[in-house]
Every structure is written in structure tokens, then in C-alpha cells.
Amino acid sequence: MTPVEIKVQEKYLQIKWDDNSETKISLADLRRFCPCAICTSQKDTHHHDYIKVFSDAQIVLKSINIVGNYAVGVSWADNHNTGIYDFNYLKKISDL
């Protein structure tokens, strides 16, 4: 599945997919589920019911770019930019 359109609407990332479906992910969830090594290791070191809370500044998107034919790279206003979200992962977290 491949996105045909990605846009930010208020506090959500909206994605139109090539199968004509549409999904929406809150920017807070997008940041919470960042798949980068740093964020993943932080999740692994905390208790399973730990929920990281972000300030408003930490969930402001600076940019979003297509990476190859499989993912998007996200850069946040606080300069966190190591998360690469493959398309299947984006679809998965939009269903949470």
C-alpha cells in the first residue's frame, strides 16, 4: 500500500492511500510511535504501561519527506529527525 497524498490538518497527519482508503494519525501518536533507535530503546527501558507525554512544541512537524518507495521521514520542530516510518507501519499505527 502506498500513499498518494499526505498532508497535515491541524494536529493530524492525513493519508490517502492508493486503494482509495484514508487514514488519520494524531501528531502526538505519530511522535509517540516513532520507530527510530533512540525512541525504541527508551520504550524498552520503561515499564510496559509508561506513556510518554509530549509538549505542544514536540508535536509540531517541521517537515515530512518521502524516503525511497517505502517510507516517510519526519522532522519535528525540536529537531528530532531520525524516525523513518515505512508505509505499512503508518497504516498500522493509524488503526490504533
C-alpha atoms as a PDB file:
ATOM      1  CA  MET A   1       0.000   0.000   0.000  1.00  0.00           C
ATOM      2  CA  THR A   2       1.354   3.403  -0.983  1.00  0.00           C
ATOM      3  CA  PRO A   3       0.192   6.900  -0.027  1.00  0.00           C
ATOM      4  CA  VAL A   4      -0.964   9.106  -2.884  1.00  0.00           C
ATOM      5  CA  GLU A   5      -1.387  12.183  -0.684  1.00  0.00           C
ATOM      6  CA  ILE A   6      -0.035  13.118   2.733  1.00  0.00           C
ATOM      7  CA  LYS A   7      -0.986  16.337   4.462  1.00  0.00           C
ATOM      8  CA  VAL A   8      -1.133  17.858   7.902  1.00  0.00           C
ATOM      9  CA  GLN A   9      -4.534  19.108   9.029  1.00  0.00           C
ATOM     10  CA  GLU A  10      -4.443  20.814  12.414  1.00  0.00           C
ATOM     11  CA  LYS A  11      -2.972  18.190  14.780  1.00  0.00           C
ATOM     12  CA  TYR A  12      -3.339  15.202  12.440  1.00  0.00           C
ATOM     13  CA  LEU A  13      -1.470  13.578   9.597  1.00  0.00           C
ATOM     14  CA  GLN A  14      -3.992  12.613   6.917  1.00  0.00           C
ATOM     15  CA  ILE A  15      -3.057   9.997   4.357  1.00  0.00           C
ATOM     16  CA  LYS A  16      -4.896   8.981   1.184  1.00  0.00           C
ATOM     17  CA  TRP A  17      -3.783   5.532   0.039  1.00  0.00           C
ATOM     18  CA  ASP A  18      -3.627   4.018  -3.432  1.00  0.00           C
ATOM     19  CA  ASP A  19      -6.569   1.720  -2.554  1.00  0.00           C
ATOM     20  CA  ASN A  20      -8.763   4.851  -2.071  1.00  0.00           C
ATOM     21  CA  SER A  21      -8.821   4.480   1.717  1.00  0.00           C
ATOM     22  CA  GLU A  22      -7.958   7.368   4.014  1.00  0.00           C
ATOM     23  CA  THR A  23      -6.372   7.316   7.450  1.00  0.00           C
ATOM     24  CA  LYS A  24      -5.653   9.894  10.089  1.00  0.00           C
ATOM     25  CA  ILE A  25      -2.934   9.805  12.779  1.00  0.00           C
ATOM     26  CA  SER A  26      -2.689  12.380  15.531  1.00  0.00           C
ATOM     27  CA  LEU A  27       0.698  14.080  15.553  1.00  0.00           C
ATOM     28  CA  ALA A  28       1.035  13.082  19.218  1.00  0.00           C
ATOM     29  CA  ASP A  29       0.625   9.403  18.250  1.00  0.00           C
ATOM     30  CA  LEU A  30       2.982   9.811  15.312  1.00  0.00           C
ATOM     31  CA  ARG A  31       5.637  11.096  17.716  1.00  0.00           C
ATOM     32  CA  ARG A  32       4.759   8.525  20.412  1.00  0.00           C
ATOM     33  CA  PHE A  33       5.241   5.656  17.965  1.00  0.00           C
ATOM     34  CA  CYS A  34       8.479   6.990  16.467  1.00  0.00           C
ATOM     35  CA  PRO A  35      10.355   3.928  15.194  1.00  0.00           C
ATOM     36  CA  CYS A  36      13.885   5.341  15.490  1.00  0.00           C
ATOM     37  CA  ALA A  37      16.501   3.525  17.547  1.00  0.00           C
ATOM     38  CA  ILE A  38      16.568   6.191  20.272  1.00  0.00           C
ATOM     39  CA  CYS A  39      12.793   6.176  20.842  1.00  0.00           C
ATOM     40  CA  THR A  40      12.603   2.389  20.610  1.00  0.00           C
ATOM     41  CA  SER A  41      15.309   1.947  23.246  1.00  0.00           C
ATOM     42  CA  GLN A  42      13.555   4.445  25.534  1.00  0.00           C
ATOM     43  CA  LYS A  43      10.335   2.433  25.245  1.00  0.00           C
ATOM     44  CA  ASP A  44      12.212  -0.772  26.025  1.00  0.00           C
ATOM     45  CA  THR A  45      13.706   0.638  29.242  1.00  0.00           C
ATOM     46  CA  HIS A  46      10.389   1.838  30.703  1.00  0.00           C
ATOM     47  CA  HIS A  47       7.594  -0.170  32.254  1.00  0.00           C
ATOM     48  CA  HIS A  48       5.035  -1.512  29.734  1.00  0.00           C
ATOM     49  CA  ASP A  49       2.305   0.904  30.864  1.00  0.00           C
ATOM     50  CA  TYR A  50       4.529   4.000  30.588  1.00  0.00           C
ATOM     51  CA  ILE A  51       3.020   6.658  28.318  1.00  0.00           C
ATOM     52  CA  LYS A  52       5.348   9.400  27.196  1.00  0.00           C
ATOM     53  CA  VAL A  53       3.732  12.837  27.208  1.00  0.00           C
ATOM     54  CA  PHE A  54       4.948  15.486  24.783  1.00  0.00           C
ATOM     55  CA  SER A  55       4.744  19.241  24.992  1.00  0.00           C
ATOM     56  CA  ASP A  56       2.942  21.081  22.207  1.00  0.00           C
ATOM     57  CA  ALA A  57       6.328  22.122  20.800  1.00  0.00           C
ATOM     58  CA  GLN A  58       7.409  18.491  20.477  1.00  0.00           C
ATOM     59  CA  ILE A  59       4.490  17.573  18.229  1.00  0.00           C
ATOM     60  CA  VAL A  60       4.952  20.308  15.642  1.00  0.00           C
ATOM     61  CA  LEU A  61       6.071  18.911  12.299  1.00  0.00           C
ATOM     62  CA  LYS A  62       8.906  20.771  10.639  1.00  0.00           C
ATOM     63  CA  SER A  63       8.891  18.593   7.511  1.00  0.00           C
ATOM     64  CA  ILE A  64       7.851  15.245   6.127  1.00  0.00           C
ATOM     65  CA  ASN A  65       9.597  13.680   3.147  1.00  0.00           C
ATOM     66  CA  ILE A  66       9.240  10.522   1.106  1.00  0.00           C
ATOM     67  CA  VAL A  67      12.118   8.070   1.641  1.00  0.00           C
ATOM     68  CA  GLY A  68      12.602   5.825  -1.359  1.00  0.00           C
ATOM     69  CA  ASN A  69       9.462   3.926  -2.318  1.00  0.00           C
ATOM     70  CA  TYR A  70       8.685   2.618   1.135  1.00  0.00           C
ATOM     71  CA  ALA A  71       8.601   5.256   3.878  1.00  0.00           C
ATOM     72  CA  VAL A  72       8.415   8.847   5.077  1.00  0.00           C
ATOM     73  CA  GLY A  73      10.996  10.661   7.143  1.00  0.00           C
ATOM     74  CA  VAL A  74       9.677  13.069   9.753  1.00  0.00           C
ATOM     75  CA  SER A  75      11.457  16.067  11.202  1.00  0.00           C
ATOM     76  CA  TRP A  76       9.982  17.682  14.300  1.00  0.00           C
ATOM     77  CA  ALA A  77      10.298  21.297  15.445  1.00  0.00           C
ATOM     78  CA  ASP A  78      12.532  20.205  18.359  1.00  0.00           C
ATOM     79  CA  ASN A  79      14.965  18.812  15.718  1.00  0.00           C
ATOM     80  CA  HIS A  80      14.200  15.132  16.362  1.00  0.00           C
ATOM     81  CA  ASN A  81      14.525  13.739  12.840  1.00  0.00           C
ATOM     82  CA  THR A  82      15.672  10.129  12.956  1.00  0.00           C
ATOM     83  CA  GLY A  83      12.276   8.437  12.615  1.00  0.00           C
ATOM     84  CA  ILE A  84      11.616   6.729   9.294  1.00  0.00           C
ATOM     85  CA  TYR A  85       8.057   5.387   9.130  1.00  0.00           C
ATOM     86  CA  ASP A  86       7.547   2.706   6.494  1.00  0.00           C
ATOM     87  CA  PHE A  87       4.159   2.779   4.812  1.00  0.00           C
ATOM     88  CA  ASN A  88       2.947  -0.452   6.460  1.00  0.00           C
ATOM     89  CA  TYR A  89       3.861   0.946   9.885  1.00  0.00           C
ATOM     90  CA  LEU A  90       1.959   4.184   9.161  1.00  0.00           C
ATOM     91  CA  LYS A  91      -1.109   2.159   8.223  1.00  0.00           C
ATOM     92  CA  LYS A  92      -0.733   0.029  11.358  1.00  0.00           C
ATOM     93  CA  ILE A  93      -0.491   2.966  13.782  1.00  0.00           C
ATOM     94  CA  SER A  94      -3.409   4.720  12.104  1.00  0.00           C
ATOM     95  CA  ASP A  95      -5.589   1.776  13.129  1.00  0.00           C
ATOM     96  CA  LEU A  96      -4.724   2.067  16.851  1.00  0.00           C
END
